[in-house]
Amino acid sequence: MDFEGIVYRVLEPVKGTSARGEWTKQEVVFELPGEFSRKLCVSFWGDKAQEAAGLAPGENVTVSINLESREYNGRWF
């Protein structure tokens, strides 16, 4: 899915270690223009996290994302 938006906020990066090694996550909040503007938080992982960290608030961008939901203990996220 592609969308166009304005970078609203670049959150602090999160780093950690799992059984598969080190990982990095960068979350960016985008504002989607329209009659009722909405905000969408997108998580970028690995190499994409480094690219996303270079975004600046107010920047107009086109983003390609994969949408996915997961079930955990009967709840969907």
C-alpha atoms as a PDB file:
ATOM      1  CA  MET A   1       0.000   0.000   0.000  1.00  0.00           C
ATOM      2  CA  ASP A   2       1.289   3.468  -0.859  1.00  0.00           C
ATOM      3  CA  PHE A   3       0.296   6.733   0.761  1.00  0.00           C
ATOM      4  CA  GLU A   4       1.385  10.349   0.639  1.00  0.00           C
ATOM      5  CA  GLY A   5       1.790  12.220   3.883  1.00  0.00           C
ATOM      6  CA  ILE A   6       3.646  14.847   5.822  1.00  0.00           C
ATOM      7  CA  VAL A   7       6.182  13.795   8.446  1.00  0.00           C
ATOM      8  CA  TYR A   8       4.598  14.874  11.734  1.00  0.00           C
ATOM      9  CA  ARG A   9       7.169  13.458  14.163  1.00  0.00           C
ATOM     10  CA  VAL A  10      10.194  11.144  14.124  1.00  0.00           C
ATOM     11  CA  LEU A  11      10.263   9.223  17.405  1.00  0.00           C
ATOM     12  CA  GLU A  12      13.387   8.047  19.202  1.00  0.00           C
ATOM     13  CA  PRO A  13      14.896   4.870  17.724  1.00  0.00           C
ATOM     14  CA  VAL A  14      14.587   1.638  19.704  1.00  0.00           C
ATOM     15  CA  LYS A  15      17.384  -0.938  19.682  1.00  0.00           C
ATOM     16  CA  GLY A  16      17.558  -4.395  21.177  1.00  0.00           C
ATOM     17  CA  THR A  17      18.901  -7.893  20.931  1.00  0.00           C
ATOM     18  CA  SER A  18      16.952 -11.063  20.217  1.00  0.00           C
ATOM     19  CA  ALA A  19      17.874 -14.685  19.606  1.00  0.00           C
ATOM     20  CA  ARG A  20      18.536 -13.707  15.966  1.00  0.00           C
ATOM     21  CA  GLY A  21      20.846 -10.800  16.829  1.00  0.00           C
ATOM     22  CA  GLU A  22      20.604  -7.049  17.172  1.00  0.00           C
ATOM     23  CA  TRP A  23      17.656  -5.115  15.766  1.00  0.00           C
ATOM     24  CA  THR A  24      16.669  -1.476  15.307  1.00  0.00           C
ATOM     25  CA  LYS A  25      13.180   0.016  15.006  1.00  0.00           C
ATOM     26  CA  GLN A  26      12.379   3.586  13.975  1.00  0.00           C
ATOM     27  CA  GLU A  27       8.822   4.864  14.288  1.00  0.00           C
ATOM     28  CA  VAL A  28       7.604   7.848  12.302  1.00  0.00           C
ATOM     29  CA  VAL A  29       4.223   9.559  12.652  1.00  0.00           C
ATOM     30  CA  PHE A  30       2.753  10.832   9.376  1.00  0.00           C
ATOM     31  CA  GLU A  31      -0.121  13.263   8.953  1.00  0.00           C
ATOM     32  CA  LEU A  32      -2.439  12.288   6.120  1.00  0.00           C
ATOM     33  CA  PRO A  33      -4.018  15.356   4.508  1.00  0.00           C
ATOM     34  CA  GLY A  34      -7.716  15.465   3.794  1.00  0.00           C
ATOM     35  CA  GLU A  35     -10.976  16.906   5.040  1.00  0.00           C
ATOM     36  CA  PHE A  36     -10.312  15.243   8.399  1.00  0.00           C
ATOM     37  CA  SER A  37      -6.553  14.905   8.759  1.00  0.00           C
ATOM     38  CA  ARG A  38      -5.417  11.680  10.364  1.00  0.00           C
ATOM     39  CA  LYS A  39      -2.145  10.576  11.873  1.00  0.00           C
ATOM     40  CA  LEU A  40      -0.535   7.225  11.142  1.00  0.00           C
ATOM     41  CA  CYS A  41       2.429   5.737  13.027  1.00  0.00           C
ATOM     42  CA  VAL A  42       4.640   3.474  10.892  1.00  0.00           C
ATOM     43  CA  SER A  43       7.440   1.243  12.235  1.00  0.00           C
ATOM     44  CA  PHE A  44      10.550   0.823  10.106  1.00  0.00           C
ATOM     45  CA  TRP A  45      12.966  -2.047  10.842  1.00  0.00           C
ATOM     46  CA  GLY A  46      16.613  -2.768  10.029  1.00  0.00           C
ATOM     47  CA  ASP A  47      18.079  -0.859   7.076  1.00  0.00           C
ATOM     48  CA  LYS A  48      14.786   0.964   6.535  1.00  0.00           C
ATOM     49  CA  ALA A  49      15.025   2.307  10.112  1.00  0.00           C
ATOM     50  CA  GLN A  50      18.233   4.133   9.221  1.00  0.00           C
ATOM     51  CA  GLU A  51      16.581   5.670   6.155  1.00  0.00           C
ATOM     52  CA  ALA A  52      13.509   6.736   8.153  1.00  0.00           C
ATOM     53  CA  ALA A  53      15.685   8.367  10.820  1.00  0.00           C
ATOM     54  CA  GLY A  54      16.744  10.906   8.183  1.00  0.00           C
ATOM     55  CA  LEU A  55      13.207  12.215   7.699  1.00  0.00           C
ATOM     56  CA  ALA A  56      12.393  15.701   8.999  1.00  0.00           C
ATOM     57  CA  PRO A  57       9.091  17.048  10.343  1.00  0.00           C
ATOM     58  CA  GLY A  58       7.150  18.903   7.658  1.00  0.00           C
ATOM     59  CA  GLU A  59       8.662  16.865   4.820  1.00  0.00           C
ATOM     60  CA  ASN A  60       6.219  15.585   2.163  1.00  0.00           C
ATOM     61  CA  VAL A  61       6.861  11.921   1.359  1.00  0.00           C
ATOM     62  CA  THR A  62       5.369   8.935  -0.437  1.00  0.00           C
ATOM     63  CA  VAL A  63       5.626   5.754   1.631  1.00  0.00           C
ATOM     64  CA  SER A  64       5.160   2.117   0.587  1.00  0.00           C
ATOM     65  CA  ILE A  65       4.141  -0.117   3.492  1.00  0.00           C
ATOM     66  CA  ASN A  66       2.984  -3.654   4.185  1.00  0.00           C
ATOM     67  CA  LEU A  67      -0.036  -3.724   6.460  1.00  0.00           C
ATOM     68  CA  GLU A  68      -0.330  -6.567   8.927  1.00  0.00           C
ATOM     69  CA  SER A  69      -2.294  -7.336  12.088  1.00  0.00           C
ATOM     70  CA  ARG A  70      -1.531 -10.054  14.588  1.00  0.00           C
ATOM     71  CA  GLU A  71      -3.586 -11.853  17.181  1.00  0.00           C
ATOM     72  CA  TYR A  72      -2.273 -12.163  20.733  1.00  0.00           C
ATOM     73  CA  ASN A  73      -4.380 -13.690  23.515  1.00  0.00           C
ATOM     74  CA  GLY A  74      -7.600 -13.144  21.596  1.00  0.00           C
ATOM     75  CA  ARG A  75      -6.843  -9.488  20.798  1.00  0.00           C
ATOM     76  CA  TRP A  76      -5.764  -8.063  17.469  1.00  0.00           C
ATOM     77  CA  PHE A  77      -3.044  -5.483  17.091  1.00  0.00           C
END
